[in-house]
Amino acid sequence: MEKVKRIQKNNEIDEDFKLTEEDIQALLESEEDIREGRVYTEEEVYEYLKKECGFEEQNN
């Protein structure tokens, strides 16, 4: 809690921003994707591409 008070005291947080309806919908969709397990790490994506699509990573 002290950290929050220090940040607020030093004006490190911009509290004057406004979210649009589109911003809110995008945040809700992102949260739902995470909750439903539809978000993957880069490594998981590469493994999927290797197994399912025959993708081979090229090292330059």
N, C-alpha and C. Protein backbone atom coordinates (compact mmCIF):
# COMPACT_ATOMS: atom_id res chain seq x y z
N MET A 1 0.82 -1.19 0.00
CA MET A 1 0.00 0.00 0.00
C MET A 1 0.87 1.25 0.00
N GLU A 2 1.99 1.18 0.67
CA GLU A 2 2.91 2.32 0.69
C GLU A 2 3.41 2.66 -0.70
N LYS A 3 3.67 1.61 -1.49
CA LYS A 3 4.16 1.82 -2.85
C LYS A 3 3.11 2.57 -3.68
N VAL A 4 1.85 2.20 -3.52
CA VAL A 4 0.77 2.88 -4.25
C VAL A 4 0.70 4.34 -3.85
N LYS A 5 0.78 4.61 -2.56
CA LYS A 5 0.74 6.00 -2.09
C LYS A 5 1.92 6.79 -2.61
N ARG A 6 3.11 6.18 -2.64
CA ARG A 6 4.30 6.86 -3.15
C ARG A 6 4.15 7.19 -4.63
N ILE A 7 3.64 6.23 -5.39
CA ILE A 7 3.46 6.45 -6.81
C ILE A 7 2.45 7.57 -7.04
N GLN A 8 1.34 7.54 -6.31
CA GLN A 8 0.34 8.59 -6.45
C GLN A 8 0.90 9.95 -6.05
N LYS A 9 1.67 9.97 -4.97
CA LYS A 9 2.26 11.22 -4.49
C LYS A 9 3.22 11.81 -5.53
N ASN A 10 3.98 10.96 -6.20
CA ASN A 10 4.94 11.42 -7.19
C ASN A 10 4.34 11.62 -8.57
N ASN A 11 3.02 11.51 -8.66
CA ASN A 11 2.31 11.70 -9.92
C ASN A 11 2.83 10.80 -11.04
N GLU A 12 3.14 9.55 -10.69
CA GLU A 12 3.63 8.61 -11.68
C GLU A 12 2.49 7.92 -12.41
N ILE A 13 1.26 8.13 -11.98
CA ILE A 13 0.10 7.51 -12.61
C ILE A 13 -0.77 8.60 -13.22
N ASP A 14 -1.08 8.42 -14.50
CA ASP A 14 -1.97 9.34 -15.18
C ASP A 14 -3.40 8.86 -14.94
N GLU A 15 -4.13 9.56 -14.11
CA GLU A 15 -5.49 9.16 -13.77
C GLU A 15 -6.53 9.86 -14.64
N ASP A 16 -6.10 10.64 -15.61
CA ASP A 16 -7.02 11.42 -16.43
C ASP A 16 -7.35 10.75 -17.76
N PHE A 17 -6.99 9.47 -17.94
CA PHE A 17 -7.29 8.81 -19.21
C PHE A 17 -8.72 8.31 -19.19
N LYS A 18 -9.27 8.14 -20.38
CA LYS A 18 -10.63 7.61 -20.50
C LYS A 18 -10.61 6.42 -21.44
N LEU A 19 -11.33 5.37 -21.07
CA LEU A 19 -11.44 4.19 -21.91
C LEU A 19 -12.68 4.32 -22.80
N THR A 20 -12.51 3.97 -24.07
CA THR A 20 -13.66 3.96 -24.97
C THR A 20 -14.36 2.61 -24.83
N GLU A 21 -15.53 2.51 -25.42
CA GLU A 21 -16.26 1.24 -25.41
C GLU A 21 -15.44 0.15 -26.10
N GLU A 22 -14.74 0.53 -27.18
CA GLU A 22 -13.90 -0.44 -27.90
C GLU A 22 -12.75 -0.93 -27.01
N ASP A 23 -12.14 -0.02 -26.22
CA ASP A 23 -11.08 -0.40 -25.30
C ASP A 23 -11.59 -1.43 -24.28
N ILE A 24 -12.75 -1.17 -23.74
CA ILE A 24 -13.33 -2.05 -22.72
C ILE A 24 -13.63 -3.41 -23.31
N GLN A 25 -14.21 -3.44 -24.52
CA GLN A 25 -14.52 -4.71 -25.16
C GLN A 25 -13.25 -5.52 -25.45
N ALA A 26 -12.19 -4.85 -25.90
CA ALA A 26 -10.93 -5.53 -26.17
C ALA A 26 -10.33 -6.12 -24.89
N LEU A 27 -10.41 -5.38 -23.79
CA LEU A 27 -9.91 -5.88 -22.51
C LEU A 27 -10.72 -7.09 -22.03
N LEU A 28 -12.03 -7.02 -22.19
CA LEU A 28 -12.87 -8.15 -21.79
C LEU A 28 -12.60 -9.38 -22.63
N GLU A 29 -12.42 -9.20 -23.95
CA GLU A 29 -12.11 -10.33 -24.82
C GLU A 29 -10.76 -10.93 -24.46
N SER A 30 -9.77 -10.10 -24.15
CA SER A 30 -8.45 -10.60 -23.77
C SER A 30 -8.54 -11.40 -22.48
N GLU A 31 -9.29 -10.89 -21.52
CA GLU A 31 -9.44 -11.58 -20.24
C GLU A 31 -10.13 -12.92 -20.45
N GLU A 32 -11.14 -12.96 -21.32
CA GLU A 32 -11.85 -14.21 -21.60
C GLU A 32 -10.92 -15.20 -22.29
N ASP A 33 -10.09 -14.73 -23.22
CA ASP A 33 -9.14 -15.61 -23.90
C ASP A 33 -8.20 -16.26 -22.89
N ILE A 34 -7.70 -15.49 -21.96
CA ILE A 34 -6.79 -16.01 -20.93
C ILE A 34 -7.52 -17.03 -20.06
N ARG A 35 -8.71 -16.68 -19.61
CA ARG A 35 -9.48 -17.56 -18.75
C ARG A 35 -9.81 -18.88 -19.43
N GLU A 36 -10.11 -18.83 -20.73
CA GLU A 36 -10.49 -20.02 -21.48
C GLU A 36 -9.28 -20.78 -22.03
N GLY A 37 -8.07 -20.28 -21.77
CA GLY A 37 -6.87 -20.98 -22.21
C GLY A 37 -6.58 -20.82 -23.69
N ARG A 38 -7.03 -19.72 -24.29
CA ARG A 38 -6.80 -19.51 -25.72
C ARG A 38 -5.57 -18.65 -25.99
N VAL A 39 -4.73 -18.50 -24.99
CA VAL A 39 -3.51 -17.72 -25.15
C VAL A 39 -2.33 -18.67 -24.95
N TYR A 40 -1.34 -18.57 -25.85
CA TYR A 40 -0.22 -19.50 -25.82
C TYR A 40 1.09 -18.74 -25.80
N THR A 41 2.11 -19.37 -25.24
CA THR A 41 3.44 -18.77 -25.25
C THR A 41 4.04 -18.98 -26.64
N GLU A 42 5.09 -18.25 -26.92
CA GLU A 42 5.78 -18.38 -28.21
C GLU A 42 6.28 -19.81 -28.41
N GLU A 43 6.80 -20.42 -27.36
CA GLU A 43 7.30 -21.77 -27.45
C GLU A 43 6.18 -22.76 -27.77
N GLU A 44 5.01 -22.57 -27.15
CA GLU A 44 3.88 -23.45 -27.42
C GLU A 44 3.43 -23.34 -28.87
N VAL A 45 3.45 -22.14 -29.42
CA VAL A 45 3.07 -21.94 -30.82
C VAL A 45 4.05 -22.67 -31.74
N TYR A 46 5.36 -22.53 -31.48
CA TYR A 46 6.36 -23.22 -32.29
C TYR A 46 6.19 -24.72 -32.21
N GLU A 47 5.92 -25.26 -31.02
CA GLU A 47 5.72 -26.70 -30.87
C GLU A 47 4.51 -27.16 -31.67
N TYR A 48 3.43 -26.39 -31.62
CA TYR A 48 2.23 -26.73 -32.38
C TYR A 48 2.54 -26.74 -33.88
N LEU A 49 3.23 -25.69 -34.35
CA LEU A 49 3.56 -25.60 -35.77
C LEU A 49 4.46 -26.76 -36.21
N LYS A 50 5.37 -27.16 -35.35
CA LYS A 50 6.26 -28.28 -35.68
C LYS A 50 5.46 -29.58 -35.80
N LYS A 51 4.59 -29.83 -34.81
CA LYS A 51 3.85 -31.09 -34.77
C LYS A 51 2.76 -31.16 -35.84
N GLU A 52 1.96 -30.11 -35.94
CA GLU A 52 0.77 -30.16 -36.78
C GLU A 52 1.01 -29.73 -38.22
N CYS A 53 2.00 -28.86 -38.46
CA CYS A 53 2.18 -28.29 -39.79
C CYS A 53 3.53 -28.59 -40.42
N GLY A 54 4.37 -29.34 -39.71
CA GLY A 54 5.68 -29.65 -40.24
C GLY A 54 6.62 -28.46 -40.32
N PHE A 55 6.34 -27.46 -39.53
CA PHE A 55 7.15 -26.24 -39.50
C PHE A 55 8.51 -26.53 -38.90
N GLU A 56 9.55 -26.03 -39.52
CA GLU A 56 10.90 -26.15 -38.98
C GLU A 56 11.50 -24.76 -38.80
N GLU A 57 12.00 -24.50 -37.63
CA GLU A 57 12.59 -23.20 -37.31
C GLU A 57 13.94 -23.08 -38.01
N GLN A 58 14.17 -21.94 -38.65
CA GLN A 58 15.45 -21.69 -39.32
C GLN A 58 16.30 -20.78 -38.47
N ASN A 59 17.54 -21.15 -38.27
CA ASN A 59 18.49 -20.30 -37.53
C ASN A 59 19.34 -19.56 -38.54
N ASN A 60 19.41 -18.24 -38.40
CA ASN A 60 20.23 -17.43 -39.32
C ASN A 60 21.51 -17.04 -38.67
